[in-house]
Amino acid sequence: MRCLRRILCFTWQDHVTNKAVLEKAGILSMFALLSQRRLRWLGHVSRMDDGRIPKDLLYGQLEIGSRPVGRPALRFKDVCKRDMKNCDINPSNWESMAADRNSWKDAVKTGACVGNQKTV
């Protein structure tokens, strides 16, 4: 935000909110941008051929092992599911939507704009 304020010639004395700076620049918030990138990567991985390492890691489950006590760390799947909910994408049938690259890209882009308005 500091770099963006400097580019747009806003000083700290102007008392301009971050939301106003982002609107003036015409870009999404950093959270929405990261969410959009995560979901686009998720669609890319789901369209990969079976046997590819990223796809195996996304859909794989551990058979043995134990986890430490306490709240478990969020997995990539959990974060993506939260992002899908914020973008108004149904988490139960996202794979069929992601199979078509253009519709997935459009859904993620419009969802990121909608999610950006919810969070900011």
PDB file of N, CA and C in Angstrom:
ATOM      1  N   MET A   1       0.821  -1.191   0.000  1.00  0.00           N
ATOM      2  CA  MET A   1       0.000   0.000   0.000  1.00  0.00           C
ATOM      3  C   MET A   1       0.872   1.265   0.000  1.00  0.00           C
ATOM      4  N   ARG A   2       2.025   1.173   0.661  1.00  0.00           N
ATOM      5  CA  ARG A   2       2.891   2.344   0.698  1.00  0.00           C
ATOM      6  C   ARG A   2       3.366   2.708  -0.698  1.00  0.00           C
ATOM      7  N   CYS A   3       3.755   1.700  -1.479  1.00  0.00           N
ATOM      8  CA  CYS A   3       4.219   1.955  -2.848  1.00  0.00           C
ATOM      9  C   CYS A   3       3.087   2.502  -3.704  1.00  0.00           C
ATOM     10  N   LEU A   4       1.898   1.955  -3.532  1.00  0.00           N
ATOM     11  CA  LEU A   4       0.749   2.416  -4.304  1.00  0.00           C
ATOM     12  C   LEU A   4       0.399   3.857  -3.951  1.00  0.00           C
ATOM     13  N   ARG A   5       0.477   4.193  -2.686  1.00  0.00           N
ATOM     14  CA  ARG A   5       0.214   5.577  -2.269  1.00  0.00           C
ATOM     15  C   ARG A   5       1.252   6.532  -2.869  1.00  0.00           C
ATOM     16  N   ARG A   6       2.513   6.075  -2.921  1.00  0.00           N
ATOM     17  CA  ARG A   6       3.566   6.924  -3.479  1.00  0.00           C
ATOM     18  C   ARG A   6       3.354   7.134  -4.975  1.00  0.00           C
ATOM     19  N   ILE A   7       2.932   6.063  -5.678  1.00  0.00           N
ATOM     20  CA  ILE A   7       2.687   6.172  -7.111  1.00  0.00           C
ATOM     21  C   ILE A   7       1.542   7.147  -7.387  1.00  0.00           C
ATOM     22  N   LEU A   8       0.491   7.090  -6.552  1.00  0.00           N
ATOM     23  CA  LEU A   8      -0.685   7.945  -6.753  1.00  0.00           C
ATOM     24  C   LEU A   8      -0.546   9.314  -6.094  1.00  0.00           C
ATOM     25  N   CYS A   9       0.621   9.582  -5.500  1.00  0.00           N
ATOM     26  CA  CYS A   9       0.923  10.880  -4.882  1.00  0.00           C
ATOM     27  C   CYS A   9      -0.004  11.213  -3.713  1.00  0.00           C
ATOM     28  N   PHE A  10      -0.295  10.214  -2.869  1.00  0.00           N
ATOM     29  CA  PHE A  10      -1.037  10.446  -1.632  1.00  0.00           C
ATOM     30  C   PHE A  10      -0.036  10.484  -0.490  1.00  0.00           C
ATOM     31  N   THR A  11      -0.096  11.508   0.341  1.00  0.00           N
ATOM     32  CA  THR A  11       0.764  11.579   1.513  1.00  0.00           C
ATOM     33  C   THR A  11      -0.044  11.130   2.724  1.00  0.00           C
ATOM     34  N   TRP A  12       0.635  10.904   3.836  1.00  0.00           N
ATOM     35  CA  TRP A  12      -0.053  10.470   5.036  1.00  0.00           C
ATOM     36  C   TRP A  12      -0.936  11.589   5.583  1.00  0.00           C
ATOM     37  N   GLN A  13      -0.650  12.816   5.197  1.00  0.00           N
ATOM     38  CA  GLN A  13      -1.446  13.955   5.663  1.00  0.00           C
ATOM     39  C   GLN A  13      -2.785  14.056   4.938  1.00  0.00           C
ATOM     40  N   ASP A  14      -2.933  13.342   3.822  1.00  0.00           N
ATOM     41  CA  ASP A  14      -4.189  13.404   3.066  1.00  0.00           C
ATOM     42  C   ASP A  14      -5.312  12.611   3.722  1.00  0.00           C
ATOM     43  N   HIS A  15      -4.983  11.698   4.630  1.00  0.00           N
ATOM     44  CA  HIS A  15      -5.972  10.862   5.328  1.00  0.00           C
ATOM     45  C   HIS A  15      -6.891  10.125   4.360  1.00  0.00           C
ATOM     46  N   VAL A  16      -6.299   9.463   3.388  1.00  0.00           N
ATOM     47  CA  VAL A  16      -7.038   8.682   2.403  1.00  0.00           C
ATOM     48  C   VAL A  16      -7.045   7.226   2.857  1.00  0.00           C
ATOM     49  N   THR A  17      -8.218   6.592   2.861  1.00  0.00           N
ATOM     50  CA  THR A  17      -8.319   5.207   3.310  1.00  0.00           C
ATOM     51  C   THR A  17      -7.711   4.260   2.284  1.00  0.00           C
ATOM     52  N   ASN A  18      -7.383   3.060   2.747  1.00  0.00           N
ATOM     53  CA  ASN A  18      -6.833   2.045   1.845  1.00  0.00           C
ATOM     54  C   ASN A  18      -7.845   1.676   0.771  1.00  0.00           C
ATOM     55  N   LYS A  19      -9.107   1.633   1.138  1.00  0.00           N
ATOM     56  CA  LYS A  19     -10.159   1.303   0.172  1.00  0.00           C
ATOM     57  C   LYS A  19     -10.203   2.339  -0.952  1.00  0.00           C
ATOM     58  N   ALA A  20     -10.074   3.603  -0.590  1.00  0.00           N
ATOM     59  CA  ALA A  20     -10.095   4.667  -1.601  1.00  0.00           C
ATOM     60  C   ALA A  20      -8.857   4.586  -2.499  1.00  0.00           C
ATOM     61  N   VAL A  21      -7.727   4.231  -1.930  1.00  0.00           N
ATOM     62  CA  VAL A  21      -6.502   4.106  -2.728  1.00  0.00           C
ATOM     63  C   VAL A  21      -6.654   2.972  -3.733  1.00  0.00           C
ATOM     64  N   LEU A  22      -7.196   1.828  -3.289  1.00  0.00           N
ATOM     65  CA  LEU A  22      -7.390   0.693  -4.189  1.00  0.00           C
ATOM     66  C   LEU A  22      -8.393   1.018  -5.293  1.00  0.00           C
ATOM     67  N   GLU A  23      -9.464   1.732  -4.960  1.00  0.00           N
ATOM     68  CA  GLU A  23     -10.442   2.128  -5.982  1.00  0.00           C
ATOM     69  C   GLU A  23      -9.823   3.086  -6.993  1.00  0.00           C
ATOM     70  N   LYS A  24      -9.017   4.019  -6.513  1.00  0.00           N
ATOM     71  CA  LYS A  24      -8.368   4.978  -7.406  1.00  0.00           C
ATOM     72  C   LYS A  24      -7.401   4.263  -8.358  1.00  0.00           C
ATOM     73  N   ALA A  25      -6.706   3.238  -7.838  1.00  0.00           N
ATOM     74  CA  ALA A  25      -5.762   2.489  -8.664  1.00  0.00           C
ATOM     75  C   ALA A  25      -6.480   1.491  -9.567  1.00  0.00           C
ATOM     76  N   GLY A  26      -7.705   1.127  -9.209  1.00  0.00           N
ATOM     77  CA  GLY A  26      -8.460   0.180 -10.018  1.00  0.00           C
ATOM     78  C   GLY A  26      -7.986  -1.253  -9.874  1.00  0.00           C
ATOM     79  N   ILE A  27      -7.493  -1.619  -8.681  1.00  0.00           N
ATOM     80  CA  ILE A  27      -7.026  -2.979  -8.452  1.00  0.00           C
ATOM     81  C   ILE A  27      -7.742  -3.576  -7.251  1.00  0.00           C
ATOM     82  N   LEU A  28      -7.629  -4.905  -7.130  1.00  0.00           N
ATOM     83  CA  LEU A  28      -8.227  -5.618  -6.017  1.00  0.00           C
ATOM     84  C   LEU A  28      -7.321  -5.523  -4.796  1.00  0.00           C
ATOM     85  N   SER A  29      -7.871  -5.863  -3.650  1.00  0.00           N
ATOM     86  CA  SER A  29      -7.041  -5.904  -2.451  1.00  0.00           C
ATOM     87  C   SER A  29      -6.059  -7.067  -2.571  1.00  0.00           C
ATOM     88  N   MET A  30      -5.042  -7.051  -1.755  1.00  0.00           N
ATOM     89  CA  MET A  30      -4.042  -8.107  -1.803  1.00  0.00           C
ATOM     90  C   MET A  30      -4.657  -9.453  -1.440  1.00  0.00           C
ATOM     91  N   PHE A  31      -5.608  -9.471  -0.511  1.00  0.00           N
ATOM     92  CA  PHE A  31      -6.269 -10.714  -0.129  1.00  0.00           C
ATOM     93  C   PHE A  31      -7.064 -11.291  -1.294  1.00  0.00           C
ATOM     94  N   ALA A  32      -7.781 -10.442  -2.008  1.00  0.00           N
ATOM     95  CA  ALA A  32      -8.556 -10.906  -3.160  1.00  0.00           C
ATOM     96  C   ALA A  32      -7.631 -11.382  -4.276  1.00  0.00           C
ATOM     97  N   LEU A  33      -6.526 -10.705  -4.463  1.00  0.00           N
ATOM     98  CA  LEU A  33      -5.574 -11.096  -5.500  1.00  0.00           C
ATOM     99  C   LEU A  33      -4.966 -12.470  -5.199  1.00  0.00           C
ATOM    100  N   LEU A  34      -4.578 -12.692  -3.947  1.00  0.00           N
ATOM    101  CA  LEU A  34      -4.024 -13.988  -3.569  1.00  0.00           C
ATOM    102  C   LEU A  34      -5.065 -15.092  -3.687  1.00  0.00           C
ATOM    103  N   SER A  35      -6.288 -14.796  -3.305  1.00  0.00           N
ATOM    104  CA  SER A  35      -7.374 -15.764  -3.425  1.00  0.00           C
ATOM    105  C   SER A  35      -7.603 -16.139  -4.885  1.00  0.00           C
ATOM    106  N   GLN A  36      -7.610 -15.144  -5.748  1.00  0.00           N
ATOM    107  CA  GLN A  36      -7.809 -15.374  -7.177  1.00  0.00           C
ATOM    108  C   GLN A  36      -6.681 -16.237  -7.744  1.00  0.00           C
ATOM    109  N   ARG A  37      -5.457 -15.978  -7.363  1.00  0.00           N
ATOM    110  CA  ARG A  37      -4.319 -16.756  -7.856  1.00  0.00           C
ATOM    111  C   ARG A  37      -4.371 -18.195  -7.357  1.00  0.00           C
ATOM    112  N   ARG A  38      -4.760 -18.383  -6.074  1.00  0.00           N
ATOM    113  CA  ARG A  38      -4.879 -19.737  -5.531  1.00  0.00           C
ATOM    114  C   ARG A  38      -5.920 -20.543  -6.281  1.00  0.00           C
ATOM    115  N   LEU A  39      -7.078 -19.926  -6.547  1.00  0.00           N
ATOM    116  CA  LEU A  39      -8.146 -20.647  -7.228  1.00  0.00           C
ATOM    117  C   LEU A  39      -7.786 -20.948  -8.680  1.00  0.00           C
ATOM    118  N   ARG A  40      -7.090 -20.045  -9.335  1.00  0.00           N
ATOM    119  CA  ARG A  40      -6.671 -20.328 -10.708  1.00  0.00           C
ATOM    120  C   ARG A  40      -5.675 -21.479 -10.739  1.00  0.00           C
ATOM    121  N   TRP A  41      -4.771 -21.546  -9.759  1.00  0.00           N
ATOM    122  CA  TRP A  41      -3.834 -22.662  -9.686  1.00  0.00           C
ATOM    123  C   TRP A  41      -4.583 -23.959  -9.381  1.00  0.00           C
ATOM    124  N   LEU A  42      -5.595 -23.892  -8.529  1.00  0.00           N
ATOM    125  CA  LEU A  42      -6.390 -25.075  -8.209  1.00  0.00           C
ATOM    126  C   LEU A  42      -7.058 -25.627  -9.464  1.00  0.00           C
ATOM    127  N   GLY A  43      -7.623 -24.764 -10.294  1.00  0.00           N
ATOM    128  CA  GLY A  43      -8.226 -25.199 -11.541  1.00  0.00           C
ATOM    129  C   GLY A  43      -7.199 -25.806 -12.475  1.00  0.00           C
ATOM    130  N   HIS A  44      -6.016 -25.223 -12.521  1.00  0.00           N
ATOM    131  CA  HIS A  44      -4.947 -25.745 -13.373  1.00  0.00           C
ATOM    132  C   HIS A  44      -4.541 -27.149 -12.935  1.00  0.00           C
ATOM    133  N   VAL A  45      -4.395 -27.349 -11.634  1.00  0.00           N
ATOM    134  CA  VAL A  45      -4.003 -28.653 -11.108  1.00  0.00           C
ATOM    135  C   VAL A  45      -5.094 -29.686 -11.357  1.00  0.00           C
ATOM    136  N   SER A  46      -6.349 -29.297 -11.221  1.00  0.00           N
ATOM    137  CA  SER A  46      -7.439 -30.262 -11.424  1.00  0.00           C
ATOM    138  C   SER A  46      -7.520 -30.720 -12.878  1.00  0.00           C
ATOM    139  N   ARG A  47      -7.082 -29.887 -13.818  1.00  0.00           N
ATOM    140  CA  ARG A  47      -7.101 -30.263 -15.229  1.00  0.00           C
ATOM    141  C   ARG A  47      -5.871 -31.065 -15.653  1.00  0.00           C
ATOM    142  N   MET A  48      -4.897 -31.224 -14.771  1.00  0.00           N
ATOM    143  CA  MET A  48      -3.684 -31.969 -15.092  1.00  0.00           C
ATOM    144  C   MET A  48      -4.006 -33.451 -15.294  1.00  0.00           C
ATOM    145  N   ASP A  49      -3.107 -34.129 -16.011  1.00  0.00           N
ATOM    146  CA  ASP A  49      -3.239 -35.571 -16.188  1.00  0.00           C
ATOM    147  C   ASP A  49      -3.022 -36.280 -14.856  1.00  0.00           C
ATOM    148  N   ASP A  50      -3.644 -37.445 -14.711  1.00  0.00           N
ATOM    149  CA  ASP A  50      -3.424 -38.260 -13.520  1.00  0.00           C
ATOM    150  C   ASP A  50      -1.969 -38.713 -13.485  1.00  0.00           C
ATOM    151  N   GLY A  51      -1.432 -38.810 -12.278  1.00  0.00           N
ATOM    152  CA  GLY A  51      -0.049 -39.229 -12.129  1.00  0.00           C
ATOM    153  C   GLY A  51       0.926 -38.074 -11.995  1.00  0.00           C
ATOM    154  N   ARG A  52       0.493 -36.859 -12.269  1.00  0.00           N
ATOM    155  CA  ARG A  52       1.363 -35.695 -12.075  1.00  0.00           C
ATOM    156  C   ARG A  52       1.484 -35.411 -10.577  1.00  0.00           C
ATOM    157  N   ILE A  53       2.646 -34.999 -10.153  1.00  0.00           N
ATOM    158  CA  ILE A  53       2.913 -34.821  -8.727  1.00  0.00           C
ATOM    159  C   ILE A  53       1.987 -33.788  -8.073  1.00  0.00           C
ATOM    160  N   PRO A  54       1.758 -32.599  -8.647  1.00  0.00           N
ATOM    161  CA  PRO A  54       0.854 -31.649  -7.978  1.00  0.00           C
ATOM    162  C   PRO A  54      -0.562 -32.204  -7.802  1.00  0.00           C
ATOM    163  N   LYS A  55      -1.056 -32.918  -8.797  1.00  0.00           N
ATOM    164  CA  LYS A  55      -2.401 -33.480  -8.695  1.00  0.00           C
ATOM    165  C   LYS A  55      -2.440 -34.595  -7.654  1.00  0.00           C
ATOM    166  N   ASP A  56      -1.408 -35.416  -7.599  1.00  0.00           N
ATOM    167  CA  ASP A  56      -1.352 -36.468  -6.590  1.00  0.00           C
ATOM    168  C   ASP A  56      -1.310 -35.880  -5.185  1.00  0.00           C
ATOM    169  N   LEU A  57      -0.583 -34.790  -5.011  1.00  0.00           N
ATOM    170  CA  LEU A  57      -0.516 -34.149  -3.697  1.00  0.00           C
ATOM    171  C   LEU A  57      -1.847 -33.503  -3.315  1.00  0.00           C
ATOM    172  N   LEU A  58      -2.552 -32.942  -4.291  1.00  0.00           N
ATOM    173  CA  LEU A  58      -3.833 -32.293  -3.996  1.00  0.00           C
ATOM    174  C   LEU A  58      -4.882 -33.308  -3.572  1.00  0.00           C
ATOM    175  N   TYR A  59      -4.946 -34.435  -4.274  1.00  0.00           N
ATOM    176  CA  TYR A  59      -5.988 -35.417  -4.010  1.00  0.00           C
ATOM    177  C   TYR A  59      -5.543 -36.537  -3.074  1.00  0.00           C
ATOM    178  N   GLY A  60      -4.272 -36.589  -2.719  1.00  0.00           N
ATOM    179  CA  GLY A  60      -3.761 -37.679  -1.901  1.00  0.00           C
ATOM    180  C   GLY A  60      -4.119 -37.530  -0.432  1.00  0.00           C
ATOM    181  N   GLN A  61      -4.132 -38.665   0.257  1.00  0.00           N
ATOM    182  CA  GLN A  61      -4.368 -38.723   1.697  1.00  0.00           C
ATOM    183  C   GLN A  61      -3.277 -39.574   2.322  1.00  0.00           C
ATOM    184  N   LEU A  62      -2.866 -39.234   3.526  1.00  0.00           N
ATOM    185  CA  LEU A  62      -1.886 -40.041   4.241  1.00  0.00           C
ATOM    186  C   LEU A  62      -2.587 -41.245   4.860  1.00  0.00           C
ATOM    187  N   GLU A  63      -1.961 -42.397   4.742  1.00  0.00           N
ATOM    188  CA  GLU A  63      -2.553 -43.603   5.309  1.00  0.00           C
ATOM    189  C   GLU A  63      -2.171 -43.781   6.770  1.00  0.00           C
ATOM    190  N   ILE A  64      -0.943 -43.441   7.130  1.00  0.00           N
ATOM    191  CA  ILE A  64      -0.509 -43.592   8.508  1.00  0.00           C
ATOM    192  C   ILE A  64       0.135 -42.291   8.957  1.00  0.00           C
ATOM    193  N   GLY A  65       0.270 -42.144  10.251  1.00  0.00           N
ATOM    194  CA  GLY A  65       0.918 -40.966  10.792  1.00  0.00           C
ATOM    195  C   GLY A  65       0.055 -40.323  11.852  1.00  0.00           C
ATOM    196  N   SER A  66       0.662 -39.496  12.649  1.00  0.00           N
ATOM    197  CA  SER A  66      -0.090 -38.791  13.681  1.00  0.00           C
ATOM    198  C   SER A  66       0.237 -37.313  13.586  1.00  0.00           C
ATOM    199  N   ARG A  67      -0.704 -36.531  14.056  1.00  0.00           N
ATOM    200  CA  ARG A  67      -0.526 -35.092  14.026  1.00  0.00           C
ATOM    201  C   ARG A  67      -0.352 -34.588  15.445  1.00  0.00           C
ATOM    202  N   PRO A  68       0.325 -33.473  15.620  1.00  0.00           N
ATOM    203  CA  PRO A  68       0.515 -32.955  16.978  1.00  0.00           C
ATOM    204  C   PRO A  68      -0.812 -32.472  17.578  1.00  0.00           C
ATOM    205  N   VAL A  69      -0.822 -32.373  18.892  1.00  0.00           N
ATOM    206  CA  VAL A  69      -2.006 -31.926  19.609  1.00  0.00           C
ATOM    207  C   VAL A  69      -2.222 -30.441  19.340  1.00  0.00           C
ATOM    208  N   GLY A  70      -3.475 -30.051  19.292  1.00  0.00           N
ATOM    209  CA  GLY A  70      -3.816 -28.655  19.074  1.00  0.00           C
ATOM    210  C   GLY A  70      -4.519 -28.467  17.747  1.00  0.00           C
ATOM    211  N   ARG A  71      -4.774 -27.209  17.421  1.00  0.00           N
ATOM    212  CA  ARG A  71      -5.462 -26.908  16.175  1.00  0.00           C
ATOM    213  C   ARG A  71      -4.553 -27.241  15.009  1.00  0.00           C
ATOM    214  N   PRO A  72      -5.059 -28.052  14.058  1.00  0.00           N
ATOM    215  CA  PRO A  72      -4.212 -28.390  12.918  1.00  0.00           C
ATOM    216  C   PRO A  72      -4.006 -27.182  11.997  1.00  0.00           C
ATOM    217  N   ALA A  73      -2.860 -27.158  11.366  1.00  0.00           N
ATOM    218  CA  ALA A  73      -2.572 -26.097  10.405  1.00  0.00           C
ATOM    219  C   ALA A  73      -3.495 -26.250   9.198  1.00  0.00           C
ATOM    220  N   LEU A  74      -3.889 -25.144   8.604  1.00  0.00           N
ATOM    221  CA  LEU A  74      -4.759 -25.197   7.442  1.00  0.00           C
ATOM    222  C   LEU A  74      -4.024 -25.803   6.259  1.00  0.00           C
ATOM    223  N   ARG A  75      -4.704 -26.690   5.573  1.00  0.00           N
ATOM    224  CA  ARG A  75      -4.156 -27.286   4.365  1.00  0.00           C
ATOM    225  C   ARG A  75      -4.520 -26.408   3.178  1.00  0.00           C
ATOM    226  N   PHE A  76      -3.862 -26.647   2.056  1.00  0.00           N
ATOM    227  CA  PHE A  76      -4.147 -25.896   0.838  1.00  0.00           C
ATOM    228  C   PHE A  76      -5.609 -26.079   0.448  1.00  0.00           C
ATOM    229  N   LYS A  77      -6.133 -27.308   0.615  1.00  0.00           N
ATOM    230  CA  LYS A  77      -7.533 -27.582   0.291  1.00  0.00           C
ATOM    231  C   LYS A  77      -8.478 -26.738   1.132  1.00  0.00           C
ATOM    232  N   ASP A  78      -8.171 -26.616   2.424  1.00  0.00           N
ATOM    233  CA  ASP A  78      -9.035 -25.854   3.328  1.00  0.00           C
ATOM    234  C   ASP A  78      -9.062 -24.373   2.950  1.00  0.00           C
ATOM    235  N   VAL A  79      -7.907 -23.838   2.615  1.00  0.00           N
ATOM    236  CA  VAL A  79      -7.832 -22.427   2.226  1.00  0.00           C
ATOM    237  C   VAL A  79      -8.577 -22.207   0.913  1.00  0.00           C
ATOM    238  N   CYS A  80      -8.435 -23.144  -0.019  1.00  0.00           N
ATOM    239  CA  CYS A  80      -9.129 -23.018  -1.305  1.00  0.00           C
ATOM    240  C   CYS A  80     -10.641 -23.126  -1.123  1.00  0.00           C
ATOM    241  N   LYS A  81     -11.072 -23.979  -0.219  1.00  0.00           N
ATOM    242  CA  LYS A  81     -12.506 -24.111   0.046  1.00  0.00           C
ATOM    243  C   LYS A  81     -13.066 -22.809   0.626  1.00  0.00           C
ATOM    244  N   ARG A  82     -12.298 -22.179   1.522  1.00  0.00           N
ATOM    245  CA  ARG A  82     -12.715 -20.892   2.076  1.00  0.00           C
ATOM    246  C   ARG A  82     -12.775 -19.823   0.976  1.00  0.00           C
ATOM    247  N   ASP A  83     -11.779 -19.851   0.077  1.00  0.00           N
ATOM    248  CA  ASP A  83     -11.767 -18.891  -1.025  1.00  0.00           C
ATOM    249  C   ASP A  83     -12.952 -19.098  -1.960  1.00  0.00           C
ATOM    250  N   MET A  84     -13.306 -20.364  -2.206  1.00  0.00           N
ATOM    251  CA  MET A  84     -14.451 -20.644  -3.074  1.00  0.00           C
ATOM    252  C   MET A  84     -15.744 -20.121  -2.460  1.00  0.00           C
ATOM    253  N   LYS A  85     -15.890 -20.279  -1.162  1.00  0.00           N
ATOM    254  CA  LYS A  85     -17.089 -19.766  -0.488  1.00  0.00           C
ATOM    255  C   LYS A  85     -17.150 -18.249  -0.585  1.00  0.00           C
ATOM    256  N   ASN A  86     -16.004 -17.588  -0.422  1.00  0.00           N
ATOM    257  CA  ASN A  86     -15.968 -16.124  -0.534  1.00  0.00           C
ATOM    258  C   ASN A  86     -16.275 -15.652  -1.952  1.00  0.00           C
ATOM    259  N   CYS A  87     -15.937 -16.471  -2.945  1.00  0.00           N
ATOM    260  CA  CYS A  87     -16.152 -16.113  -4.348  1.00  0.00           C
ATOM    261  C   CYS A  87     -17.487 -16.631  -4.892  1.00  0.00           C
ATOM    262  N   ASP A  88     -18.337 -17.146  -4.025  1.00  0.00           N
ATOM    263  CA  ASP A  88     -19.655 -17.670  -4.423  1.00  0.00           C
ATOM    264  C   ASP A  88     -19.540 -18.802  -5.439  1.00  0.00           C
ATOM    265  N   ILE A  89     -18.550 -19.673  -5.258  1.00  0.00           N
ATOM    266  CA  ILE A  89     -18.385 -20.877  -6.067  1.00  0.00           C
ATOM    267  C   ILE A  89     -18.743 -22.058  -5.183  1.00  0.00           C
ATOM    268  N   ASN A  90     -19.595 -22.939  -5.672  1.00  0.00           N
ATOM    269  CA  ASN A  90     -20.040 -24.082  -4.891  1.00  0.00           C
ATOM    270  C   ASN A  90     -18.879 -25.066  -4.720  1.00  0.00           C
ATOM    271  N   PRO A  91     -18.429 -25.328  -3.475  1.00  0.00           N
ATOM    272  CA  PRO A  91     -17.294 -26.232  -3.274  1.00  0.00           C
ATOM    273  C   PRO A  91     -17.589 -27.690  -3.608  1.00  0.00           C
ATOM    274  N   SER A  92     -18.858 -28.061  -3.752  1.00  0.00           N
ATOM    275  CA  SER A  92     -19.164 -29.462  -4.026  1.00  0.00           C
ATOM    276  C   SER A  92     -19.022 -29.817  -5.510  1.00  0.00           C
ATOM    277  N   ASN A  93     -19.194 -28.857  -6.409  1.00  0.00           N
ATOM    278  CA  ASN A  93     -19.080 -29.182  -7.842  1.00  0.00           C
ATOM    279  C   ASN A  93     -18.084 -28.282  -8.574  1.00  0.00           C
ATOM    280  N   TRP A  94     -17.034 -27.876  -7.890  1.00  0.00           N
ATOM    281  CA  TRP A  94     -16.052 -26.990  -8.514  1.00  0.00           C
ATOM    282  C   TRP A  94     -15.252 -27.708  -9.589  1.00  0.00           C
ATOM    283  N   GLU A  95     -15.070 -29.023  -9.466  1.00  0.00           N
ATOM    284  CA  GLU A  95     -14.244 -29.746 -10.429  1.00  0.00           C
ATOM    285  C   GLU A  95     -14.862 -29.759 -11.816  1.00  0.00           C
ATOM    286  N   SER A  96     -16.187 -29.881 -11.886  1.00  0.00           N
ATOM    287  CA  SER A  96     -16.839 -29.854 -13.196  1.00  0.00           C
ATOM    288  C   SER A  96     -16.738 -28.460 -13.819  1.00  0.00           C
ATOM    289  N   MET A  97     -16.787 -27.430 -12.984  1.00  0.00           N
ATOM    290  CA  MET A  97     -16.646 -26.068 -13.495  1.00  0.00           C
ATOM    291  C   MET A  97     -15.206 -25.804 -13.932  1.00  0.00           C
ATOM    292  N   ALA A  98     -14.242 -26.355 -13.183  1.00  0.00           N
ATOM    293  CA  ALA A  98     -12.827 -26.136 -13.492  1.00  0.00           C
ATOM    294  C   ALA A  98     -12.389 -26.908 -14.727  1.00  0.00           C
ATOM    295  N   ALA A  99     -13.167 -27.917 -15.133  1.00  0.00           N
ATOM    296  CA  ALA A  99     -12.810 -28.692 -16.325  1.00  0.00           C
ATOM    297  C   ALA A  99     -12.824 -27.813 -17.568  1.00  0.00           C
ATOM    298  N   ASP A 100     -13.709 -26.811 -17.594  1.00  0.00           N
ATOM    299  CA  ASP A 100     -13.731 -25.842 -18.688  1.00  0.00           C
ATOM    300  C   ASP A 100     -12.913 -24.630 -18.254  1.00  0.00           C
ATOM    301  N   ARG A 101     -11.777 -24.444 -18.872  1.00  0.00           N
ATOM    302  CA  ARG A 101     -10.823 -23.422 -18.447  1.00  0.00           C
ATOM    303  C   ARG A 101     -11.416 -22.016 -18.475  1.00  0.00           C
ATOM    304  N   ASN A 102     -12.117 -21.667 -19.534  1.00  0.00           N
ATOM    305  CA  ASN A 102     -12.640 -20.305 -19.667  1.00  0.00           C
ATOM    306  C   ASN A 102     -13.724 -20.006 -18.639  1.00  0.00           C
ATOM    307  N   SER A 103     -14.629 -20.959 -18.392  1.00  0.00           N
ATOM    308  CA  SER A 103     -15.684 -20.704 -17.412  1.00  0.00           C
ATOM    309  C   SER A 103     -15.098 -20.618 -16.010  1.00  0.00           C
ATOM    310  N   TRP A 104     -14.076 -21.427 -15.707  1.00  0.00           N
ATOM    311  CA  TRP A 104     -13.432 -21.360 -14.398  1.00  0.00           C
ATOM    312  C   TRP A 104     -12.733 -20.021 -14.212  1.00  0.00           C
ATOM    313  N   LYS A 105     -12.049 -19.576 -15.254  1.00  0.00           N
ATOM    314  CA  LYS A 105     -11.344 -18.297 -15.181  1.00  0.00           C
ATOM    315  C   LYS A 105     -12.331 -17.146 -14.955  1.00  0.00           C
ATOM    316  N   ASP A 106     -13.451 -17.173 -15.670  1.00  0.00           N
ATOM    317  CA  ASP A 106     -14.465 -16.136 -15.498  1.00  0.00           C
ATOM    318  C   ASP A 106     -15.092 -16.186 -14.110  1.00  0.00           C
ATOM    319  N   ALA A 107     -15.381 -17.393 -13.622  1.00  0.00           N
ATOM    320  CA  ALA A 107     -15.994 -17.539 -12.298  1.00  0.00           C
ATOM    321  C   ALA A 107     -15.055 -17.033 -11.206  1.00  0.00           C
ATOM    322  N   VAL A 108     -13.773 -17.336 -11.337  1.00  0.00           N
ATOM    323  CA  VAL A 108     -12.802 -16.892 -10.340  1.00  0.00           C
ATOM    324  C   VAL A 108     -12.644 -15.381 -10.397  1.00  0.00           C
ATOM    325  N   LYS A 109     -12.617 -14.833 -11.595  1.00  0.00           N
ATOM    326  CA  LYS A 109     -12.429 -13.386 -11.737  1.00  0.00           C
ATOM    327  C   LYS A 109     -13.619 -12.615 -11.184  1.00  0.00           C
ATOM    328  N   THR A 110     -14.841 -13.021 -11.545  1.00  0.00           N
ATOM    329  CA  THR A 110     -16.022 -12.319 -11.030  1.00  0.00           C
ATOM    330  C   THR A 110     -16.190 -12.584  -9.542  1.00  0.00           C
ATOM    331  N   GLY A 111     -15.841 -13.789  -9.101  1.00  0.00           N
ATOM    332  CA  GLY A 111     -15.937 -14.108  -7.681  1.00  0.00           C
ATOM    333  C   GLY A 111     -14.959 -13.322  -6.851  1.00  0.00           C
ATOM    334  N   ALA A 112     -13.765 -13.076  -7.378  1.00  0.00           N
ATOM    335  CA  ALA A 112     -12.773 -12.291  -6.656  1.00  0.00           C
ATOM    336  C   ALA A 112     -13.244 -10.849  -6.497  1.00  0.00           C
ATOM    337  N   CYS A 113     -13.921 -10.336  -7.513  1.00  0.00           N
ATOM    338  CA  CYS A 113     -14.467  -8.978  -7.400  1.00  0.00           C
ATOM    339  C   CYS A 113     -15.573  -8.921  -6.357  1.00  0.00           C
ATOM    340  N   VAL A 114     -16.417  -9.949  -6.333  1.00  0.00           N
ATOM    341  CA  VAL A 114     -17.495 -10.002  -5.343  1.00  0.00           C
ATOM    342  C   VAL A 114     -16.905 -10.188  -3.957  1.00  0.00           C
ATOM    343  N   GLY A 115     -15.920 -11.106  -3.824  1.00  0.00           N
ATOM    344  CA  GLY A 115     -15.273 -11.345  -2.547  1.00  0.00           C
ATOM    345  C   GLY A 115     -14.525 -10.132  -2.047  1.00  0.00           C
ATOM    346  N   ASN A 116     -13.965  -9.343  -2.959  1.00  0.00           N
ATOM    347  CA  ASN A 116     -13.254  -8.136  -2.591  1.00  0.00           C
ATOM    348  C   ASN A 116     -14.205  -7.127  -1.961  1.00  0.00           C
ATOM    349  N   GLN A 117     -15.423  -7.030  -2.474  1.00  0.00           N
ATOM    350  CA  GLN A 117     -16.386  -6.099  -1.918  1.00  0.00           C
ATOM    351  C   GLN A 117     -16.871  -6.558  -0.554  1.00  0.00           C
ATOM    352  N   LYS A 118     -16.888  -7.877  -0.309  1.00  0.00           N
ATOM    353  CA  LYS A 118     -17.305  -8.380   1.000  1.00  0.00           C
ATOM    354  C   LYS A 118     -16.265  -8.108   2.066  1.00  0.00           C
ATOM    355  N   THR A 119     -14.972  -8.293   1.731  1.00  0.00           N
ATOM    356  CA  THR A 119     -13.927  -8.194   2.738  1.00  0.00           C
ATOM    357  C   THR A 119     -13.469  -6.769   2.985  1.00  0.00           C
ATOM    358  N   VAL A 120     -13.535  -5.898   2.002  1.00  0.00           N
ATOM    359  CA  VAL A 120     -13.008  -4.538   2.166  1.00  0.00           C
ATOM    360  C   VAL A 120     -14.075  -3.625   2.710  1.00  0.00           C
TER     361      VAL A 120
END
